[in-house]
C-alpha atoms as a PDB file:
ATOM      1  CA  MET A   1       0.000   0.000   0.000  1.00  0.00           C
ATOM      2  CA  LYS A   2       1.538   3.307  -1.115  1.00  0.00           C
ATOM      3  CA  THR A   3       0.781   6.226   1.193  1.00  0.00           C
ATOM      4  CA  LEU A   4       1.156   9.968   0.611  1.00  0.00           C
ATOM      5  CA  VAL A   5       0.780  12.823   3.059  1.00  0.00           C
ATOM      6  CA  LEU A   6      -0.602  15.689   0.954  1.00  0.00           C
ATOM      7  CA  TYR A   7      -1.096  19.040   2.633  1.00  0.00           C
ATOM      8  CA  TYR A   8      -1.454  22.797   2.341  1.00  0.00           C
ATOM      9  CA  SER A   9      -0.154  25.045   5.105  1.00  0.00           C
ATOM     10  CA  TYR A  10      -0.413  28.819   5.297  1.00  0.00           C
ATOM     11  CA  GLY A  11       1.144  29.544   8.679  1.00  0.00           C
ATOM     12  CA  GLY A  12       3.094  26.346   9.337  1.00  0.00           C
ATOM     13  CA  ASN A  13       0.759  24.512  11.727  1.00  0.00           C
ATOM     14  CA  THR A  14      -0.561  22.082   9.117  1.00  0.00           C
ATOM     15  CA  ARG A  15       2.986  21.477   7.854  1.00  0.00           C
ATOM     16  CA  ARG A  16       4.094  20.626  11.380  1.00  0.00           C
ATOM     17  CA  ILE A  17       1.406  17.958  11.747  1.00  0.00           C
ATOM     18  CA  ALA A  18       1.942  16.637   8.202  1.00  0.00           C
ATOM     19  CA  GLU A  19       5.640  16.140   8.902  1.00  0.00           C
ATOM     20  CA  GLN A  20       4.844  14.384  12.186  1.00  0.00           C
ATOM     21  CA  ILE A  21       2.508  11.980  10.362  1.00  0.00           C
ATOM     22  CA  GLN A  22       4.997  11.426   7.534  1.00  0.00           C
ATOM     23  CA  GLN A  23       7.755  10.538  10.006  1.00  0.00           C
ATOM     24  CA  ALA A  24       5.506   8.177  11.968  1.00  0.00           C
ATOM     25  CA  LEU A  25       4.344   6.352   8.827  1.00  0.00           C
ATOM     26  CA  ASN A  26       7.632   6.591   6.906  1.00  0.00           C
ATOM     27  CA  CYS A  27       5.768   7.537   3.726  1.00  0.00           C
ATOM     28  CA  ASP A  28       5.998  10.141   0.975  1.00  0.00           C
ATOM     29  CA  ILE A  29       4.943  13.756   1.504  1.00  0.00           C
ATOM     30  CA  ALA A  30       3.936  16.569  -0.848  1.00  0.00           C
ATOM     31  CA  GLU A  31       3.060  20.178  -0.126  1.00  0.00           C
ATOM     32  CA  ILE A  32       0.412  22.104  -2.028  1.00  0.00           C
ATOM     33  CA  ALA A  33       1.679  25.636  -2.740  1.00  0.00           C
ATOM     34  CA  THR A  34      -0.109  28.454  -4.510  1.00  0.00           C
ATOM     35  CA  VAL A  35       1.581  30.059  -7.506  1.00  0.00           C
ATOM     36  CA  THR A  36       0.998  33.463  -5.912  1.00  0.00           C
ATOM     37  CA  PRO A  37       1.548  33.341  -2.145  1.00  0.00           C
ATOM     38  CA  TYR A  38      -0.939  35.072   0.118  1.00  0.00           C
ATOM     39  CA  THR A  39       0.442  38.403   1.331  1.00  0.00           C
ATOM     40  CA  GLY A  40      -0.575  41.284   3.531  1.00  0.00           C
ATOM     41  CA  SER A  41      -1.752  41.462   7.096  1.00  0.00           C
ATOM     42  CA  TYR A  42      -3.455  38.559   8.814  1.00  0.00           C
ATOM     43  CA  ASP A  43      -6.816  40.326   8.332  1.00  0.00           C
ATOM     44  CA  ASP A  44      -6.092  40.856   4.609  1.00  0.00           C
ATOM     45  CA  VAL A  45      -5.398  37.149   4.140  1.00  0.00           C
ATOM     46  CA  VAL A  46      -8.451  36.147   6.201  1.00  0.00           C
ATOM     47  CA  ASN A  47     -10.681  38.417   4.107  1.00  0.00           C
ATOM     48  CA  GLN A  48      -9.221  37.129   0.839  1.00  0.00           C
ATOM     49  CA  GLY A  49      -9.641  33.548   2.079  1.00  0.00           C
ATOM     50  CA  GLN A  50     -13.288  34.199   2.909  1.00  0.00           C
ATOM     51  CA  ARG A  51     -13.973  35.627  -0.548  1.00  0.00           C
ATOM     52  CA  GLU A  52     -12.244  32.662  -2.191  1.00  0.00           C
ATOM     53  CA  ALA A  53     -13.970  30.029  -0.041  1.00  0.00           C
ATOM     54  CA  ASP A  54     -17.385  31.641  -0.489  1.00  0.00           C
ATOM     55  CA  SER A  55     -17.024  31.855  -4.283  1.00  0.00           C
ATOM     56  CA  GLY A  56     -15.485  28.386  -4.767  1.00  0.00           C
ATOM     57  CA  PHE A  57     -12.327  29.934  -6.206  1.00  0.00           C
ATOM     58  CA  GLU A  58      -9.508  27.547  -7.068  1.00  0.00           C
ATOM     59  CA  PRO A  59      -6.188  29.417  -7.004  1.00  0.00           C
ATOM     60  CA  PRO A  60      -3.459  28.216  -9.353  1.00  0.00           C
ATOM     61  CA  VAL A  61      -1.054  25.900  -7.539  1.00  0.00           C
ATOM     62  CA  ARG A  62       2.500  24.881  -8.287  1.00  0.00           C
ATOM     63  CA  PRO A  63       3.009  21.407  -9.750  1.00  0.00           C
ATOM     64  CA  LEU A  64       3.176  18.745  -7.038  1.00  0.00           C
ATOM     65  CA  ASP A  65       6.396  16.763  -6.777  1.00  0.00           C
ATOM     66  CA  LYS A  66       4.306  13.615  -6.154  1.00  0.00           C
ATOM     67  CA  ASN A  67       1.276  12.421  -8.133  1.00  0.00           C
ATOM     68  CA  PRO A  68      -1.635  11.564  -5.786  1.00  0.00           C
ATOM     69  CA  GLY A  69      -2.950   9.226  -8.494  1.00  0.00           C
ATOM     70  CA  GLU A  70      -0.026   6.874  -7.840  1.00  0.00           C
ATOM     71  CA  TYR A  71      -0.999   6.274  -4.201  1.00  0.00           C
ATOM     72  CA  ASP A  72      -3.577   3.980  -2.603  1.00  0.00           C
ATOM     73  CA  THR A  73      -3.881   6.044   0.566  1.00  0.00           C
ATOM     74  CA  VAL A  74      -3.707   9.825   0.872  1.00  0.00           C
ATOM     75  CA  ILE A  75      -3.503  11.559   4.221  1.00  0.00           C
ATOM     76  CA  LEU A  76      -4.877  14.993   3.423  1.00  0.00           C
ATOM     77  CA  GLY A  77      -4.053  17.995   5.607  1.00  0.00           C
ATOM     78  CA  THR A  78      -5.619  21.437   5.428  1.00  0.00           C
ATOM     79  CA  PRO A  79      -6.159  24.459   7.596  1.00  0.00           C
ATOM     80  CA  VAL A  80      -9.826  25.365   8.036  1.00  0.00           C
ATOM     81  CA  TRP A  81     -10.681  28.506   6.082  1.00  0.00           C
ATOM     82  CA  TRP A  82     -14.203  29.730   6.639  1.00  0.00           C
ATOM     83  CA  HIS A  83     -15.589  26.396   7.784  1.00  0.00           C
ATOM     84  CA  THR A  84     -14.054  24.323   4.975  1.00  0.00           C
ATOM     85  CA  PHE A  85     -10.732  23.318   3.422  1.00  0.00           C
ATOM     86  CA  ALA A  86      -8.378  25.956   2.023  1.00  0.00           C
ATOM     87  CA  PRO A  87      -8.985  27.061  -1.588  1.00  0.00           C
ATOM     88  CA  ALA A  88      -5.580  25.688  -2.679  1.00  0.00           C
ATOM     89  CA  VAL A  89      -6.682  22.247  -1.473  1.00  0.00           C
ATOM     90  CA  LYS A  90      -9.843  22.579  -3.560  1.00  0.00           C
ATOM     91  CA  THR A  91      -7.694  23.181  -6.647  1.00  0.00           C
ATOM     92  CA  VAL A  92      -5.868  19.871  -6.143  1.00  0.00           C
ATOM     93  CA  LEU A  93      -8.910  17.859  -5.042  1.00  0.00           C
ATOM     94  CA  SER A  94     -10.869  18.989  -8.106  1.00  0.00           C
ATOM     95  CA  ALA A  95      -8.061  17.984 -10.476  1.00  0.00           C
ATOM     96  CA  CYS A  96      -7.629  14.392  -9.256  1.00  0.00           C
ATOM     97  CA  ASP A  97      -9.571  11.177  -9.739  1.00  0.00           C
ATOM     98  CA  TRP A  98     -10.133   9.805  -6.241  1.00  0.00           C
ATOM     99  CA  SER A  99     -11.897   6.595  -7.286  1.00  0.00           C
ATOM    100  CA  GLY A 100     -10.764   3.619  -5.216  1.00  0.00           C
ATOM    101  CA  LYS A 101      -8.484   5.670  -2.969  1.00  0.00           C
ATOM    102  CA  THR A 102      -8.588   5.852   0.812  1.00  0.00           C
ATOM    103  CA  ILE A 103      -8.354   9.331   2.315  1.00  0.00           C
ATOM    104  CA  TYR A 104      -7.605  10.168   5.928  1.00  0.00           C
ATOM    105  CA  PRO A 105      -8.240  13.907   6.351  1.00  0.00           C
ATOM    106  CA  PHE A 106      -6.888  16.119   9.088  1.00  0.00           C
ATOM    107  CA  ALA A 107      -7.673  19.768   9.645  1.00  0.00           C
ATOM    108  CA  THR A 108      -5.940  22.393  11.739  1.00  0.00           C
ATOM    109  CA  ASN A 109      -8.035  25.205  13.121  1.00  0.00           C
ATOM    110  CA  GLY A 110      -8.455  27.760  15.843  1.00  0.00           C
ATOM    111  CA  GLY A 111     -11.718  26.498  17.227  1.00  0.00           C
ATOM    112  CA  TRP A 112     -14.294  25.290  14.740  1.00  0.00           C
ATOM    113  CA  ILE A 113     -13.893  22.785  11.936  1.00  0.00           C
ATOM    114  CA  GLY A 114     -17.203  23.619  10.259  1.00  0.00           C
ATOM    115  CA  HIS A 115     -18.060  21.228   7.425  1.00  0.00           C
ATOM    116  CA  THR A 116     -14.481  20.588   6.302  1.00  0.00           C
ATOM    117  CA  PHE A 117     -14.598  16.785   6.408  1.00  0.00           C
ATOM    118  CA  LYS A 118     -18.032  16.578   4.753  1.00  0.00           C
ATOM    119  CA  ASP A 119     -16.760  18.868   1.986  1.00  0.00           C
ATOM    120  CA  ILE A 120     -13.713  16.638   1.447  1.00  0.00           C
ATOM    121  CA  GLU A 121     -15.956  13.581   1.210  1.00  0.00           C
ATOM    122  CA  ARG A 122     -18.228  15.325  -1.304  1.00  0.00           C
ATOM    123  CA  THR A 123     -15.317  16.628  -3.414  1.00  0.00           C
ATOM    124  CA  CYS A 124     -13.431  13.307  -3.488  1.00  0.00           C
ATOM    125  CA  ALA A 125     -16.130  11.241  -5.168  1.00  0.00           C
ATOM    126  CA  GLY A 126     -15.307   7.559  -5.309  1.00  0.00           C
ATOM    127  CA  ALA A 127     -12.864   7.645  -2.396  1.00  0.00           C
ATOM    128  CA  ALA A 128     -13.312   5.983   0.975  1.00  0.00           C
ATOM    129  CA  VAL A 129     -12.955   8.970   3.299  1.00  0.00           C
ATOM    130  CA  LYS A 130     -12.137   7.791   6.811  1.00  0.00           C
ATOM    131  CA  ASN A 131     -12.692   9.544  10.133  1.00  0.00           C
ATOM    132  CA  GLY A 132     -10.840  12.817  10.119  1.00  0.00           C
ATOM    133  CA  LEU A 133      -8.640  14.305  12.790  1.00  0.00           C
ATOM    134  CA  ASN A 134      -9.588  17.743  14.101  1.00  0.00           C
ATOM    135  CA  ILE A 135      -6.412  19.441  15.375  1.00  0.00           C
ATOM    136  CA  ARG A 136      -6.859  22.614  17.352  1.00  0.00           C
ATOM    137  CA  PHE A 137      -4.262  25.339  17.672  1.00  0.00           C
ATOM    138  CA  ASP A 138      -4.239  28.587  19.607  1.00  0.00           C
ATOM    139  CA  GLU A 139      -2.121  30.580  17.156  1.00  0.00           C
ATOM    140  CA  ASP A 140       1.095  28.478  17.035  1.00  0.00           C
ATOM    141  CA  SER A 141       0.391  26.540  20.236  1.00  0.00           C
ATOM    142  CA  LEU A 142      -0.953  23.015  19.739  1.00  0.00           C
ATOM    143  CA  GLN A 143      -4.064  22.448  21.876  1.00  0.00           C
ATOM    144  CA  THR A 144      -4.878  18.891  20.743  1.00  0.00           C
ATOM    145  CA  SER A 145      -2.960  16.313  22.752  1.00  0.00           C
ATOM    146  CA  THR A 146      -0.104  14.543  20.997  1.00  0.00           C
ATOM    147  CA  ALA A 147      -1.515  11.271  22.374  1.00  0.00           C
ATOM    148  CA  HIS A 148      -4.750  11.924  20.471  1.00  0.00           C
ATOM    149  CA  ILE A 149      -2.784  12.551  17.256  1.00  0.00           C
ATOM    150  CA  ASP A 150      -0.682   9.420  17.843  1.00  0.00           C
ATOM    151  CA  ARG A 151      -3.826   7.286  18.297  1.00  0.00           C
ATOM    152  CA  TRP A 152      -5.186   8.551  14.968  1.00  0.00           C
ATOM    153  CA  ILE A 153      -1.882   7.752  13.235  1.00  0.00           C
ATOM    154  CA  ALA A 154      -1.948   4.258  14.798  1.00  0.00           C
ATOM    155  CA  GLN A 155      -5.396   3.678  13.234  1.00  0.00           C
ATOM    156  CA  ILE A 156      -3.914   4.498   9.821  1.00  0.00           C
ATOM    157  CA  LYS A 157      -1.081   2.012  10.417  1.00  0.00           C
ATOM    158  CA  GLU A 158      -3.632  -0.665  11.261  1.00  0.00           C
ATOM    159  CA  GLY A 159      -5.429   0.065   7.994  1.00  0.00           C
END
């Protein structure tokens, strides 16, 4: 079974968790990056993110160095932007055929996950989307226990 950790991270929190999962599973990892990085103040980026999420915008992303189509299992990481996955994640999810794949989603957020996991399930038609992991941060400080994260990773190992 080939496994890929695929993630988008704006501020680094999602990257941190993705790298932890990748190390624990000893699998491949790929970062989703927008062609044009988000810039400006935190409020500017939040407002732009809201407009993009609300409109269904799919920002151009850089080519991935791994092809999700070549993997059986994809561990998908995203920050929560306005109650759903980040627009850059939508760009990649919309471009791939998820038929027959298993997806384990995780989402980093500051307090409310919204409908992120349901949106991933809807967008990844044909995939078996497993129980997601909601990871809470207070700015850069992890609030979810590492034991909770480790238990979720152990479930992936068990298949």
